[in-house]
Amino acid sequence: MKRIFDLSIIKSKFFIVMMIMIVLIHALIFFPTVRFNDTSIPMLAFDRLVGDPFRGRVLGNHILETEHGEIVLRHFTPITAGGGRITNIRVDEFISGQASHNLAVDGITMPPNISISFASNHQIATMDLQEQEILLSGIPLAVTRFHVIHPREIADITMTVGRTPESIRLADYTQIYVDPARWLWGGLRFYNDAGAWVLREVFNGFMVKRPGETDFIRYREITFRPHWGEFIEGVRWEQ
């Protein structure tokens, strides 16, 4: 009788230990901690059981200090994480007010409702603006993607531009005409060290008339000084 009682106690203790281990394992899985630079951010993430990266919600209020400004994550804001770091914050969280930011890149203020993707070094890599308008040295541009770190470009900034004003004038009175019905595929690139911006449209090009010229000439790409400065060079459509 005593042996049966002892076995029962052992089984009960084993069951309790197993339950504690299961709870601890689930706590480790469902309550991960991710990092953003020197900041540790606890999360609740049931999706982590499926794999990595995963969706989850931050626990507590957090401010992410980036090289372009601050991102505020309020308690229970959904984010995507992977490899122990934040990888993406969706536009829905900014629309709902769960997240907010004051980001500006090279003096260009970002719209309030954007998606943000981060590189492995925690720097902002890409912002999806969904054709929202930004003001670039007085010229409004509707931008889809704003790349601060582009996987295939050496430019400091690469923008995929959906729409531009029909007519843009550079500082030296070079005139640029962009067909408003066309998608400006290729967009605008900044090369800060070279002191140059490059405007590119690979499908249809755009019409350019320089001072002293009487007719517009079609270009696929032109290079000019920053902030719509003087024309430097261009690649004509037929080249």
C-alpha atoms as a PDB file:
ATOM      1  CA  MET A   1       0.000   0.000   0.000  1.00  0.00           C
ATOM      2  CA  LYS A   2       2.823   2.380   0.942  1.00  0.00           C
ATOM      3  CA  ARG A   3       4.612   1.577  -2.352  1.00  0.00           C
ATOM      4  CA  ILE A   4       1.510   2.389  -4.366  1.00  0.00           C
ATOM      5  CA  PHE A   5       1.164   5.635  -2.417  1.00  0.00           C
ATOM      6  CA  ASP A   6       4.833   6.506  -3.095  1.00  0.00           C
ATOM      7  CA  LEU A   7       4.393   5.782  -6.830  1.00  0.00           C
ATOM      8  CA  SER A   8       1.349   8.003  -6.858  1.00  0.00           C
ATOM      9  CA  ILE A   9       3.339  10.836  -5.258  1.00  0.00           C
ATOM     10  CA  ILE A  10       6.180  10.344  -7.762  1.00  0.00           C
ATOM     11  CA  LYS A  11       3.734  10.435 -10.680  1.00  0.00           C
ATOM     12  CA  SER A  12       2.109  13.555  -9.290  1.00  0.00           C
ATOM     13  CA  LYS A  13       5.474  15.297  -8.909  1.00  0.00           C
ATOM     14  CA  PHE A  14       6.516  14.196 -12.406  1.00  0.00           C
ATOM     15  CA  PHE A  15       3.239  15.549 -13.781  1.00  0.00           C
ATOM     16  CA  ILE A  16       3.741  18.876 -11.984  1.00  0.00           C
ATOM     17  CA  VAL A  17       7.330  19.152 -13.247  1.00  0.00           C
ATOM     18  CA  MET A  18       6.208  18.358 -16.798  1.00  0.00           C
ATOM     19  CA  MET A  19       3.447  20.961 -16.603  1.00  0.00           C
ATOM     20  CA  ILE A  20       5.914  23.563 -15.321  1.00  0.00           C
ATOM     21  CA  MET A  21       8.317  22.722 -18.157  1.00  0.00           C
ATOM     22  CA  ILE A  22       5.524  22.987 -20.733  1.00  0.00           C
ATOM     23  CA  VAL A  23       4.481  26.363 -19.325  1.00  0.00           C
ATOM     24  CA  LEU A  24       8.084  27.601 -19.380  1.00  0.00           C
ATOM     25  CA  ILE A  25       8.638  26.368 -22.949  1.00  0.00           C
ATOM     26  CA  HIS A  26       5.454  28.076 -24.121  1.00  0.00           C
ATOM     27  CA  ALA A  27       6.468  31.229 -22.267  1.00  0.00           C
ATOM     28  CA  LEU A  28       9.801  31.219 -24.090  1.00  0.00           C
ATOM     29  CA  ILE A  29       8.060  30.658 -27.404  1.00  0.00           C
ATOM     30  CA  PHE A  30       5.063  32.952 -27.004  1.00  0.00           C
ATOM     31  CA  PHE A  31       6.814  35.778 -25.102  1.00  0.00           C
ATOM     32  CA  PRO A  32       9.999  36.440 -27.088  1.00  0.00           C
ATOM     33  CA  THR A  33      12.193  39.498 -26.678  1.00  0.00           C
ATOM     34  CA  VAL A  34      13.459  41.316 -29.751  1.00  0.00           C
ATOM     35  CA  ARG A  35      16.044  44.058 -29.927  1.00  0.00           C
ATOM     36  CA  PHE A  36      16.218  47.396 -31.647  1.00  0.00           C
ATOM     37  CA  ASN A  37      19.750  48.728 -31.216  1.00  0.00           C
ATOM     38  CA  ASP A  38      20.143  48.872 -27.418  1.00  0.00           C
ATOM     39  CA  THR A  39      16.424  48.551 -26.679  1.00  0.00           C
ATOM     40  CA  SER A  40      14.885  45.222 -25.596  1.00  0.00           C
ATOM     41  CA  ILE A  41      11.230  44.843 -26.551  1.00  0.00           C
ATOM     42  CA  PRO A  42       9.086  42.030 -25.076  1.00  0.00           C
ATOM     43  CA  MET A  43       6.366  40.618 -27.296  1.00  0.00           C
ATOM     44  CA  LEU A  44       3.347  38.356 -27.260  1.00  0.00           C
ATOM     45  CA  ALA A  45       3.635  36.231 -30.408  1.00  0.00           C
ATOM     46  CA  PHE A  46       1.528  33.094 -30.860  1.00  0.00           C
ATOM     47  CA  ASP A  47       2.638  33.015 -34.519  1.00  0.00           C
ATOM     48  CA  ARG A  48       6.173  32.245 -33.392  1.00  0.00           C
ATOM     49  CA  LEU A  49       5.114  28.624 -33.023  1.00  0.00           C
ATOM     50  CA  VAL A  50       4.716  28.524 -36.821  1.00  0.00           C
ATOM     51  CA  GLY A  51       8.184  29.845 -37.643  1.00  0.00           C
ATOM     52  CA  ASP A  52      10.500  32.805 -38.010  1.00  0.00           C
ATOM     53  CA  PRO A  53       9.875  35.625 -38.991  1.00  0.00           C
ATOM     54  CA  PHE A  54       6.608  35.956 -37.119  1.00  0.00           C
ATOM     55  CA  ARG A  55       3.869  38.438 -36.285  1.00  0.00           C
ATOM     56  CA  GLY A  56       3.306  39.547 -32.725  1.00  0.00           C
ATOM     57  CA  ARG A  57       2.412  42.453 -30.469  1.00  0.00           C
ATOM     58  CA  VAL A  58       4.793  44.533 -28.403  1.00  0.00           C
ATOM     59  CA  LEU A  59       4.247  44.656 -24.662  1.00  0.00           C
ATOM     60  CA  GLY A  60       4.556  48.139 -23.218  1.00  0.00           C
ATOM     61  CA  ASN A  61       5.251  51.480 -24.872  1.00  0.00           C
ATOM     62  CA  HIS A  62       8.500  51.888 -26.772  1.00  0.00           C
ATOM     63  CA  ILE A  63      10.348  54.592 -28.720  1.00  0.00           C
ATOM     64  CA  LEU A  64      12.624  53.422 -31.537  1.00  0.00           C
ATOM     65  CA  GLU A  65      15.445  55.904 -32.093  1.00  0.00           C
ATOM     66  CA  THR A  66      16.473  55.791 -35.753  1.00  0.00           C
ATOM     67  CA  GLU A  67      18.924  57.838 -37.812  1.00  0.00           C
ATOM     68  CA  HIS A  68      15.940  59.614 -39.383  1.00  0.00           C
ATOM     69  CA  GLY A  69      13.786  60.308 -36.335  1.00  0.00           C
ATOM     70  CA  GLU A  70      11.645  58.467 -33.802  1.00  0.00           C
ATOM     71  CA  ILE A  71       9.060  55.712 -34.182  1.00  0.00           C
ATOM     72  CA  VAL A  72       6.627  55.286 -31.291  1.00  0.00           C
ATOM     73  CA  LEU A  73       5.115  51.843 -30.635  1.00  0.00           C
ATOM     74  CA  ARG A  74       2.262  51.838 -28.164  1.00  0.00           C
ATOM     75  CA  HIS A  75       1.288  48.869 -26.023  1.00  0.00           C
ATOM     76  CA  PHE A  76       0.071  45.901 -28.085  1.00  0.00           C
ATOM     77  CA  THR A  77       1.167  47.337 -31.452  1.00  0.00           C
ATOM     78  CA  PRO A  78       1.450  44.507 -34.029  1.00  0.00           C
ATOM     79  CA  ILE A  79       4.867  44.182 -35.688  1.00  0.00           C
ATOM     80  CA  THR A  80       6.821  41.604 -37.682  1.00  0.00           C
ATOM     81  CA  ALA A  81      10.041  40.255 -36.169  1.00  0.00           C
ATOM     82  CA  GLY A  82      12.656  37.720 -37.152  1.00  0.00           C
ATOM     83  CA  GLY A  83      16.143  36.738 -36.122  1.00  0.00           C
ATOM     84  CA  GLY A  84      15.701  38.505 -32.796  1.00  0.00           C
ATOM     85  CA  ARG A  85      14.989  41.915 -34.336  1.00  0.00           C
ATOM     86  CA  ILE A  86      12.129  44.012 -35.706  1.00  0.00           C
ATOM     87  CA  THR A  87      11.814  43.598 -39.468  1.00  0.00           C
ATOM     88  CA  ASN A  88       8.616  45.437 -40.420  1.00  0.00           C
ATOM     89  CA  ILE A  89       5.914  47.784 -39.154  1.00  0.00           C
ATOM     90  CA  ARG A  90       2.818  47.849 -41.356  1.00  0.00           C
ATOM     91  CA  VAL A  91       0.921  50.915 -42.478  1.00  0.00           C
ATOM     92  CA  ASP A  92      -2.211  49.679 -40.654  1.00  0.00           C
ATOM     93  CA  GLU A  93      -0.587  50.368 -37.294  1.00  0.00           C
ATOM     94  CA  PHE A  94       0.054  54.015 -38.223  1.00  0.00           C
ATOM     95  CA  ILE A  95      -3.468  54.410 -39.599  1.00  0.00           C
ATOM     96  CA  SER A  96      -4.971  52.991 -36.397  1.00  0.00           C
ATOM     97  CA  GLY A  97      -2.805  55.227 -34.201  1.00  0.00           C
ATOM     98  CA  GLN A  98      -1.049  52.299 -32.509  1.00  0.00           C
ATOM     99  CA  ALA A  99       2.221  53.591 -33.999  1.00  0.00           C
ATOM    100  CA  SER A 100       3.447  57.036 -35.032  1.00  0.00           C
ATOM    101  CA  HIS A 101       6.665  58.624 -36.294  1.00  0.00           C
ATOM    102  CA  ASN A 102       8.412  61.903 -37.126  1.00  0.00           C
ATOM    103  CA  LEU A 103      10.728  60.524 -39.818  1.00  0.00           C
ATOM    104  CA  ALA A 104      12.541  62.774 -42.277  1.00  0.00           C
ATOM    105  CA  VAL A 105      15.256  61.613 -44.691  1.00  0.00           C
ATOM    106  CA  ASP A 106      17.657  64.214 -46.094  1.00  0.00           C
ATOM    107  CA  GLY A 107      15.147  66.866 -45.091  1.00  0.00           C
ATOM    108  CA  ILE A 108      12.247  65.042 -46.791  1.00  0.00           C
ATOM    109  CA  THR A 109       9.348  64.618 -44.365  1.00  0.00           C
ATOM    110  CA  MET A 110       7.626  61.255 -44.634  1.00  0.00           C
ATOM    111  CA  PRO A 111       3.815  61.021 -44.632  1.00  0.00           C
ATOM    112  CA  PRO A 112       2.314  59.795 -41.354  1.00  0.00           C
ATOM    113  CA  ASN A 113       0.891  56.516 -42.723  1.00  0.00           C
ATOM    114  CA  ILE A 114       3.637  54.326 -44.188  1.00  0.00           C
ATOM    115  CA  SER A 115       5.055  50.816 -43.979  1.00  0.00           C
ATOM    116  CA  ILE A 116       8.626  50.559 -42.691  1.00  0.00           C
ATOM    117  CA  SER A 117      11.110  47.742 -43.294  1.00  0.00           C
ATOM    118  CA  PHE A 118      14.401  47.460 -41.427  1.00  0.00           C
ATOM    119  CA  ALA A 119      17.775  46.107 -42.487  1.00  0.00           C
ATOM    120  CA  SER A 120      19.723  43.592 -40.399  1.00  0.00           C
ATOM    121  CA  ASN A 121      21.659  46.450 -38.719  1.00  0.00           C
ATOM    122  CA  HIS A 122      18.347  47.952 -37.468  1.00  0.00           C
ATOM    123  CA  GLN A 123      18.555  50.846 -39.933  1.00  0.00           C
ATOM    124  CA  ILE A 124      15.505  51.806 -41.963  1.00  0.00           C
ATOM    125  CA  ALA A 125      15.844  50.158 -45.369  1.00  0.00           C
ATOM    126  CA  THR A 126      12.573  50.843 -47.196  1.00  0.00           C
ATOM    127  CA  MET A 127       9.400  52.840 -46.666  1.00  0.00           C
ATOM    128  CA  ASP A 128       6.265  52.082 -48.655  1.00  0.00           C
ATOM    129  CA  LEU A 129       4.372  55.338 -49.223  1.00  0.00           C
ATOM    130  CA  GLN A 130       1.598  53.875 -51.446  1.00  0.00           C
ATOM    131  CA  GLU A 131       1.759  56.860 -53.817  1.00  0.00           C
ATOM    132  CA  GLN A 132       1.367  59.424 -51.082  1.00  0.00           C
ATOM    133  CA  GLU A 133       2.798  62.812 -51.910  1.00  0.00           C
ATOM    134  CA  ILE A 134       6.059  64.181 -50.600  1.00  0.00           C
ATOM    135  CA  LEU A 135       7.428  67.670 -51.191  1.00  0.00           C
ATOM    136  CA  LEU A 136      10.910  67.558 -52.677  1.00  0.00           C
ATOM    137  CA  SER A 137      12.498  71.019 -52.767  1.00  0.00           C
ATOM    138  CA  GLY A 138       9.157  72.546 -53.676  1.00  0.00           C
ATOM    139  CA  ILE A 139       8.161  69.853 -56.204  1.00  0.00           C
ATOM    140  CA  PRO A 140       5.364  67.428 -55.191  1.00  0.00           C
ATOM    141  CA  LEU A 141       6.031  63.773 -56.056  1.00  0.00           C
ATOM    142  CA  ALA A 142       3.712  60.798 -55.542  1.00  0.00           C
ATOM    143  CA  VAL A 143       6.048  58.039 -54.338  1.00  0.00           C
ATOM    144  CA  THR A 144       5.415  54.324 -54.020  1.00  0.00           C
ATOM    145  CA  ARG A 145       8.708  53.076 -52.567  1.00  0.00           C
ATOM    146  CA  PHE A 146      11.387  55.090 -50.795  1.00  0.00           C
ATOM    147  CA  HIS A 147      14.608  53.094 -50.418  1.00  0.00           C
ATOM    148  CA  VAL A 148      17.231  54.303 -47.968  1.00  0.00           C
ATOM    149  CA  ILE A 149      19.100  51.002 -48.376  1.00  0.00           C
ATOM    150  CA  HIS A 150      18.487  49.324 -51.731  1.00  0.00           C
ATOM    151  CA  PRO A 151      19.728  45.751 -52.332  1.00  0.00           C
ATOM    152  CA  ARG A 152      20.711  46.476 -55.947  1.00  0.00           C
ATOM    153  CA  GLU A 153      21.546  50.192 -55.983  1.00  0.00           C
ATOM    154  CA  ILE A 154      24.545  52.197 -54.794  1.00  0.00           C
ATOM    155  CA  ALA A 155      22.510  55.398 -54.626  1.00  0.00           C
ATOM    156  CA  ASP A 156      22.058  56.954 -51.187  1.00  0.00           C
ATOM    157  CA  ILE A 157      18.304  57.228 -51.804  1.00  0.00           C
ATOM    158  CA  THR A 158      16.185  55.547 -54.481  1.00  0.00           C
ATOM    159  CA  MET A 159      12.565  56.500 -55.059  1.00  0.00           C
ATOM    160  CA  THR A 160      10.013  54.763 -57.250  1.00  0.00           C
ATOM    161  CA  VAL A 161       7.839  57.651 -58.390  1.00  0.00           C
ATOM    162  CA  GLY A 162       4.255  57.184 -59.494  1.00  0.00           C
ATOM    163  CA  ARG A 163       3.419  60.735 -60.542  1.00  0.00           C
ATOM    164  CA  THR A 164       5.197  64.047 -60.967  1.00  0.00           C
ATOM    165  CA  PRO A 165       4.013  67.467 -62.053  1.00  0.00           C
ATOM    166  CA  GLU A 166       3.586  67.542 -65.821  1.00  0.00           C
ATOM    167  CA  SER A 167       6.332  70.132 -66.096  1.00  0.00           C
ATOM    168  CA  ILE A 168       9.475  70.586 -63.975  1.00  0.00           C
ATOM    169  CA  ARG A 169      12.027  73.367 -64.463  1.00  0.00           C
ATOM    170  CA  LEU A 170      15.623  73.047 -63.303  1.00  0.00           C
ATOM    171  CA  ALA A 171      17.690  75.925 -61.909  1.00  0.00           C
ATOM    172  CA  ASP A 172      19.294  76.610 -65.324  1.00  0.00           C
ATOM    173  CA  TYR A 173      15.818  76.769 -66.940  1.00  0.00           C
ATOM    174  CA  THR A 174      16.042  73.283 -68.421  1.00  0.00           C
ATOM    175  CA  GLN A 175      12.443  72.166 -68.931  1.00  0.00           C
ATOM    176  CA  ILE A 176      11.308  68.585 -68.231  1.00  0.00           C
ATOM    177  CA  TYR A 177       7.958  67.344 -69.493  1.00  0.00           C
ATOM    178  CA  VAL A 178       6.594  64.086 -68.045  1.00  0.00           C
ATOM    179  CA  ASP A 179       3.491  62.560 -69.649  1.00  0.00           C
ATOM    180  CA  PRO A 180       0.997  62.449 -66.735  1.00  0.00           C
ATOM    181  CA  ALA A 181      -0.476  59.209 -68.126  1.00  0.00           C
ATOM    182  CA  ARG A 182       2.864  57.419 -67.765  1.00  0.00           C
ATOM    183  CA  TRP A 183       4.342  55.621 -64.802  1.00  0.00           C
ATOM    184  CA  LEU A 184       7.770  57.033 -64.004  1.00  0.00           C
ATOM    185  CA  TRP A 185       9.403  53.618 -63.699  1.00  0.00           C
ATOM    186  CA  GLY A 186      12.995  53.968 -62.588  1.00  0.00           C
ATOM    187  CA  GLY A 187      12.247  57.012 -60.508  1.00  0.00           C
ATOM    188  CA  LEU A 188      14.684  59.350 -58.813  1.00  0.00           C
ATOM    189  CA  ARG A 189      18.090  58.592 -57.282  1.00  0.00           C
ATOM    190  CA  PHE A 190      20.304  60.649 -54.991  1.00  0.00           C
ATOM    191  CA  TYR A 191      24.102  60.341 -55.102  1.00  0.00           C
ATOM    192  CA  ASN A 192      25.182  62.570 -52.249  1.00  0.00           C
ATOM    193  CA  ASP A 193      28.967  62.200 -52.609  1.00  0.00           C
ATOM    194  CA  ALA A 194      28.771  63.012 -56.327  1.00  0.00           C
ATOM    195  CA  GLY A 195      26.388  65.909 -55.695  1.00  0.00           C
ATOM    196  CA  ALA A 196      23.911  64.615 -58.253  1.00  0.00           C
ATOM    197  CA  TRP A 197      20.311  63.514 -58.692  1.00  0.00           C
ATOM    198  CA  VAL A 198      19.325  61.145 -61.500  1.00  0.00           C
ATOM    199  CA  LEU A 199      15.812  61.048 -62.983  1.00  0.00           C
ATOM    200  CA  ARG A 200      15.084  57.901 -65.002  1.00  0.00           C
ATOM    201  CA  GLU A 201      12.153  56.553 -67.018  1.00  0.00           C
ATOM    202  CA  VAL A 202      13.069  53.403 -68.932  1.00  0.00           C
ATOM    203  CA  PHE A 203       9.781  52.597 -70.684  1.00  0.00           C
ATOM    204  CA  ASN A 204       8.849  55.842 -72.428  1.00  0.00           C
ATOM    205  CA  GLY A 205      11.348  58.437 -71.296  1.00  0.00           C
ATOM    206  CA  PHE A 206      10.484  62.104 -70.863  1.00  0.00           C
ATOM    207  CA  MET A 207      10.886  65.217 -72.947  1.00  0.00           C
ATOM    208  CA  VAL A 208      13.636  67.727 -72.129  1.00  0.00           C
ATOM    209  CA  LYS A 209      14.416  71.140 -73.586  1.00  0.00           C
ATOM    210  CA  ARG A 210      17.616  72.846 -72.507  1.00  0.00           C
ATOM    211  CA  PRO A 211      18.257  76.607 -72.713  1.00  0.00           C
ATOM    212  CA  GLY A 212      19.000  77.601 -76.294  1.00  0.00           C
ATOM    213  CA  GLU A 213      17.220  74.567 -77.773  1.00  0.00           C
ATOM    214  CA  THR A 214      14.047  75.084 -79.773  1.00  0.00           C
ATOM    215  CA  ASP A 215      12.593  71.560 -79.541  1.00  0.00           C
ATOM    216  CA  PHE A 216      12.038  69.032 -76.800  1.00  0.00           C
ATOM    217  CA  ILE A 217      14.241  65.917 -77.001  1.00  0.00           C
ATOM    218  CA  ARG A 218      13.289  62.560 -75.474  1.00  0.00           C
ATOM    219  CA  TYR A 219      15.629  61.253 -72.747  1.00  0.00           C
ATOM    220  CA  ARG A 220      15.565  58.042 -70.772  1.00  0.00           C
ATOM    221  CA  GLU A 221      17.758  59.488 -68.010  1.00  0.00           C
ATOM    222  CA  ILE A 222      19.117  62.877 -66.953  1.00  0.00           C
ATOM    223  CA  THR A 223      21.585  63.875 -64.233  1.00  0.00           C
ATOM    224  CA  PHE A 224      21.440  67.273 -62.529  1.00  0.00           C
ATOM    225  CA  ARG A 225      22.552  69.053 -59.380  1.00  0.00           C
ATOM    226  CA  PRO A 226      20.597  68.361 -56.159  1.00  0.00           C
ATOM    227  CA  HIS A 227      17.365  70.192 -55.408  1.00  0.00           C
ATOM    228  CA  TRP A 228      16.476  70.523 -59.107  1.00  0.00           C
ATOM    229  CA  GLY A 229      19.764  72.249 -59.830  1.00  0.00           C
ATOM    230  CA  GLU A 230      21.613  72.655 -63.119  1.00  0.00           C
ATOM    231  CA  PHE A 231      21.578  69.996 -65.848  1.00  0.00           C
ATOM    232  CA  ILE A 232      24.795  67.891 -65.907  1.00  0.00           C
ATOM    233  CA  GLU A 233      24.258  65.206 -68.548  1.00  0.00           C
ATOM    234  CA  GLY A 234      21.666  62.908 -70.005  1.00  0.00           C
ATOM    235  CA  VAL A 235      21.057  59.704 -71.919  1.00  0.00           C
ATOM    236  CA  ARG A 236      18.892  60.283 -74.962  1.00  0.00           C
ATOM    237  CA  TRP A 237      16.158  57.847 -75.856  1.00  0.00           C
ATOM    238  CA  GLU A 238      17.824  56.635 -79.048  1.00  0.00           C
ATOM    239  CA  GLN A 239      21.190  55.927 -77.413  1.00  0.00           C
END
